[in-house]
Amino acid sequence: MDVVGSMVGGPIAEALRLFFLAFYAIGVTVLVLRVLPLAFRSAPVERRAEGIYRYLPFFLLPVGFLIPPVAMLTRVGEFNAT
């Protein structure tokens, strides 16, 4: 067995997967505890978003933070390098 083939599902790959999942978990925690509550505060009238644009961060930010960990957990995009 060659070196590359043995590393595809090896301990290094699993350690990196866990590292990045932990990194994203910290990011989601900061998003929920610090960023989203700030969005509820009123901005000055000149800078306030109106209409549908006001709710855009509530939909886009969680989606941006949830897609990468879901892809890592489901192993989407992985392939064997043999």
N, C-alpha and C. Protein backbone atom coordinates (compact mmCIF):
# COMPACT_ATOMS: atom_id res chain seq x y z
N MET A 1 0.85 -1.18 0.00
CA MET A 1 0.00 0.00 0.00
C MET A 1 0.90 1.24 0.00
N ASP A 2 0.56 2.19 -0.84
CA ASP A 2 1.39 3.40 -0.90
C ASP A 2 1.02 4.37 0.22
N VAL A 3 1.86 5.36 0.41
CA VAL A 3 1.69 6.30 1.53
C VAL A 3 0.43 7.14 1.36
N VAL A 4 0.17 7.62 0.16
CA VAL A 4 -1.00 8.47 -0.06
C VAL A 4 -2.28 7.69 0.17
N GLY A 5 -2.35 6.48 -0.32
CA GLY A 5 -3.55 5.67 -0.15
C GLY A 5 -3.83 5.34 1.29
N SER A 6 -2.78 5.19 2.09
CA SER A 6 -3.00 4.86 3.50
C SER A 6 -3.41 6.07 4.33
N MET A 7 -3.20 7.29 3.82
CA MET A 7 -3.52 8.49 4.58
C MET A 7 -4.92 9.03 4.29
N VAL A 8 -5.61 8.49 3.30
CA VAL A 8 -6.90 9.05 2.90
C VAL A 8 -7.89 9.05 4.06
N GLY A 9 -8.03 7.94 4.75
CA GLY A 9 -8.96 7.89 5.87
C GLY A 9 -8.24 7.70 7.18
N GLY A 10 -6.99 8.09 7.23
CA GLY A 10 -6.17 7.83 8.40
C GLY A 10 -6.40 8.81 9.53
N PRO A 11 -5.58 8.69 10.55
CA PRO A 11 -5.75 9.54 11.74
C PRO A 11 -5.51 11.01 11.48
N ILE A 12 -4.65 11.33 10.54
CA ILE A 12 -4.40 12.75 10.24
C ILE A 12 -5.65 13.38 9.64
N ALA A 13 -6.29 12.68 8.71
CA ALA A 13 -7.51 13.21 8.09
C ALA A 13 -8.61 13.39 9.14
N GLU A 14 -8.75 12.43 10.03
CA GLU A 14 -9.77 12.55 11.08
C GLU A 14 -9.45 13.69 12.04
N ALA A 15 -8.17 13.87 12.38
CA ALA A 15 -7.78 14.96 13.27
C ALA A 15 -8.05 16.31 12.62
N LEU A 16 -7.75 16.43 11.33
CA LEU A 16 -8.04 17.68 10.63
C LEU A 16 -9.53 17.94 10.56
N ARG A 17 -10.31 16.90 10.30
CA ARG A 17 -11.76 17.06 10.25
C ARG A 17 -12.29 17.56 11.60
N LEU A 18 -11.82 16.97 12.68
CA LEU A 18 -12.26 17.40 14.01
C LEU A 18 -11.81 18.82 14.32
N PHE A 19 -10.60 19.18 13.90
CA PHE A 19 -10.10 20.54 14.12
C PHE A 19 -11.00 21.55 13.42
N PHE A 20 -11.31 21.30 12.15
CA PHE A 20 -12.13 22.26 11.41
C PHE A 20 -13.57 22.29 11.92
N LEU A 21 -14.09 21.17 12.37
CA LEU A 21 -15.43 21.18 12.97
C LEU A 21 -15.44 21.99 14.26
N ALA A 22 -14.39 21.86 15.06
CA ALA A 22 -14.30 22.66 16.29
C ALA A 22 -14.15 24.14 15.96
N PHE A 23 -13.38 24.44 14.92
CA PHE A 23 -13.20 25.83 14.48
C PHE A 23 -14.54 26.43 14.08
N TYR A 24 -15.33 25.70 13.31
CA TYR A 24 -16.63 26.20 12.91
C TYR A 24 -17.60 26.28 14.08
N ALA A 25 -17.50 25.37 15.03
CA ALA A 25 -18.36 25.43 16.22
C ALA A 25 -18.08 26.71 17.01
N ILE A 26 -16.82 27.08 17.13
CA ILE A 26 -16.47 28.32 17.80
C ILE A 26 -17.02 29.51 17.02
N GLY A 27 -16.91 29.47 15.71
CA GLY A 27 -17.43 30.55 14.88
C GLY A 27 -18.93 30.70 15.01
N VAL A 28 -19.66 29.60 15.03
CA VAL A 28 -21.12 29.66 15.20
C VAL A 28 -21.47 30.19 16.58
N THR A 29 -20.72 29.80 17.58
CA THR A 29 -20.97 30.29 18.94
C THR A 29 -20.79 31.81 19.01
N VAL A 30 -19.72 32.31 18.42
CA VAL A 30 -19.50 33.76 18.39
C VAL A 30 -20.60 34.45 17.61
N LEU A 31 -21.01 33.85 16.50
CA LEU A 31 -22.08 34.44 15.70
C LEU A 31 -23.36 34.56 16.50
N VAL A 32 -23.74 33.51 17.19
CA VAL A 32 -25.00 33.51 17.93
C VAL A 32 -24.94 34.42 19.16
N LEU A 33 -23.82 34.41 19.86
CA LEU A 33 -23.74 35.15 21.12
C LEU A 33 -23.37 36.62 20.95
N ARG A 34 -22.62 36.96 19.89
CA ARG A 34 -22.14 38.34 19.78
C ARG A 34 -22.67 39.09 18.56
N VAL A 35 -22.71 38.46 17.40
CA VAL A 35 -23.04 39.19 16.18
C VAL A 35 -24.54 39.37 16.00
N LEU A 36 -25.30 38.30 16.12
CA LEU A 36 -26.75 38.42 15.91
C LEU A 36 -27.44 39.32 16.92
N PRO A 37 -27.06 39.30 18.21
CA PRO A 37 -27.69 40.27 19.12
C PRO A 37 -27.41 41.73 18.74
N LEU A 38 -26.25 41.99 18.17
CA LEU A 38 -25.96 43.36 17.74
C LEU A 38 -26.86 43.80 16.59
N ALA A 39 -27.35 42.85 15.82
CA ALA A 39 -28.22 43.19 14.71
C ALA A 39 -29.58 43.71 15.19
N PHE A 40 -29.95 43.38 16.42
CA PHE A 40 -31.22 43.86 16.96
C PHE A 40 -31.16 45.32 17.40
N ARG A 41 -29.96 45.81 17.65
CA ARG A 41 -29.84 47.22 18.05
C ARG A 41 -30.17 48.12 16.87
N SER A 42 -30.76 49.23 17.17
CA SER A 42 -31.15 50.15 16.11
C SER A 42 -29.95 50.96 15.63
N ALA A 43 -29.81 51.01 14.34
CA ALA A 43 -28.79 51.85 13.72
C ALA A 43 -29.38 53.23 13.48
N PRO A 44 -28.53 54.22 13.22
CA PRO A 44 -29.08 55.53 12.86
C PRO A 44 -29.98 55.42 11.63
N VAL A 45 -30.93 56.28 11.53
CA VAL A 45 -31.92 56.20 10.46
C VAL A 45 -31.28 56.21 9.09
N GLU A 46 -30.20 56.96 8.92
CA GLU A 46 -29.55 57.05 7.61
C GLU A 46 -28.92 55.72 7.20
N ARG A 47 -28.54 54.88 8.16
CA ARG A 47 -27.82 53.64 7.85
C ARG A 47 -28.68 52.40 8.07
N ARG A 48 -29.92 52.54 8.42
CA ARG A 48 -30.78 51.42 8.74
C ARG A 48 -31.26 50.72 7.46
N ALA A 49 -31.18 49.40 7.45
CA ALA A 49 -31.69 48.63 6.32
C ALA A 49 -33.21 48.58 6.40
N GLU A 50 -33.83 48.56 5.24
CA GLU A 50 -35.29 48.56 5.20
C GLU A 50 -35.79 47.37 4.40
N GLY A 51 -37.01 46.99 4.68
CA GLY A 51 -37.66 45.92 3.92
C GLY A 51 -37.00 44.57 4.15
N ILE A 52 -36.91 43.80 3.09
CA ILE A 52 -36.36 42.45 3.16
C ILE A 52 -34.87 42.46 3.51
N TYR A 53 -34.18 43.53 3.18
CA TYR A 53 -32.73 43.62 3.44
C TYR A 53 -32.42 43.63 4.93
N ARG A 54 -33.39 44.01 5.73
CA ARG A 54 -33.17 44.05 7.18
C ARG A 54 -32.96 42.64 7.75
N TYR A 55 -33.59 41.64 7.15
CA TYR A 55 -33.51 40.28 7.66
C TYR A 55 -32.47 39.42 6.95
N LEU A 56 -31.78 39.97 5.99
CA LEU A 56 -30.79 39.23 5.21
C LEU A 56 -29.68 38.61 6.06
N PRO A 57 -29.08 39.31 7.03
CA PRO A 57 -28.04 38.69 7.84
C PRO A 57 -28.53 37.48 8.64
N PHE A 58 -29.79 37.50 9.06
CA PHE A 58 -30.32 36.39 9.85
C PHE A 58 -30.42 35.11 9.03
N PHE A 59 -30.50 35.24 7.71
CA PHE A 59 -30.58 34.05 6.85
C PHE A 59 -29.23 33.68 6.27
N LEU A 60 -28.46 34.66 5.82
CA LEU A 60 -27.20 34.37 5.13
C LEU A 60 -26.08 33.95 6.06
N LEU A 61 -25.94 34.59 7.21
CA LEU A 61 -24.85 34.24 8.11
C LEU A 61 -24.95 32.81 8.65
N PRO A 62 -26.09 32.37 9.14
CA PRO A 62 -26.15 30.97 9.60
C PRO A 62 -25.91 29.97 8.46
N VAL A 63 -26.42 30.26 7.27
CA VAL A 63 -26.20 29.35 6.15
C VAL A 63 -24.72 29.28 5.82
N GLY A 64 -24.03 30.40 5.83
CA GLY A 64 -22.59 30.42 5.55
C GLY A 64 -21.78 29.69 6.59
N PHE A 65 -22.26 29.66 7.82
CA PHE A 65 -21.55 28.96 8.87
C PHE A 65 -21.95 27.49 8.98
N LEU A 66 -23.07 27.10 8.40
CA LEU A 66 -23.53 25.72 8.55
C LEU A 66 -23.16 24.82 7.37
N ILE A 67 -22.97 25.38 6.19
CA ILE A 67 -22.65 24.55 5.02
C ILE A 67 -21.31 23.83 5.16
N PRO A 68 -20.20 24.49 5.54
CA PRO A 68 -18.92 23.76 5.64
C PRO A 68 -18.92 22.62 6.65
N PRO A 69 -19.44 22.78 7.88
CA PRO A 69 -19.42 21.63 8.78
C PRO A 69 -20.32 20.49 8.32
N VAL A 70 -21.45 20.81 7.69
CA VAL A 70 -22.31 19.76 7.17
C VAL A 70 -21.59 19.00 6.07
N ALA A 71 -20.87 19.72 5.21
CA ALA A 71 -20.11 19.05 4.15
C ALA A 71 -19.02 18.16 4.74
N MET A 72 -18.38 18.61 5.83
CA MET A 72 -17.35 17.78 6.46
C MET A 72 -17.94 16.57 7.16
N LEU A 73 -19.07 16.75 7.82
CA LEU A 73 -19.68 15.63 8.53
C LEU A 73 -20.20 14.56 7.57
N THR A 74 -20.74 14.99 6.44
CA THR A 74 -21.27 14.03 5.47
C THR A 74 -20.20 13.57 4.49
N ARG A 75 -19.02 14.15 4.57
CA ARG A 75 -17.88 13.81 3.71
C ARG A 75 -18.18 14.04 2.23
N VAL A 76 -18.94 15.07 1.95
CA VAL A 76 -19.24 15.43 0.57
C VAL A 76 -17.96 15.96 -0.08
N GLY A 77 -17.67 15.51 -1.26
CA GLY A 77 -16.52 15.99 -2.00
C GLY A 77 -15.24 15.21 -1.75
N GLU A 78 -15.25 14.27 -0.83
CA GLU A 78 -14.05 13.48 -0.59
C GLU A 78 -13.92 12.41 -1.67
N PHE A 79 -12.69 12.09 -1.99
CA PHE A 79 -12.44 11.02 -2.95
C PHE A 79 -11.18 10.28 -2.55
N ASN A 80 -11.06 9.07 -2.98
CA ASN A 80 -9.87 8.28 -2.72
C ASN A 80 -8.78 8.64 -3.70
N ALA A 81 -7.60 8.86 -3.22
CA ALA A 81 -6.49 9.26 -4.08
C ALA A 81 -5.66 8.06 -4.49
N THR A 82 -6.28 6.93 -4.65
CA THR A 82 -5.52 5.74 -5.04
C THR A 82 -5.52 5.54 -6.53
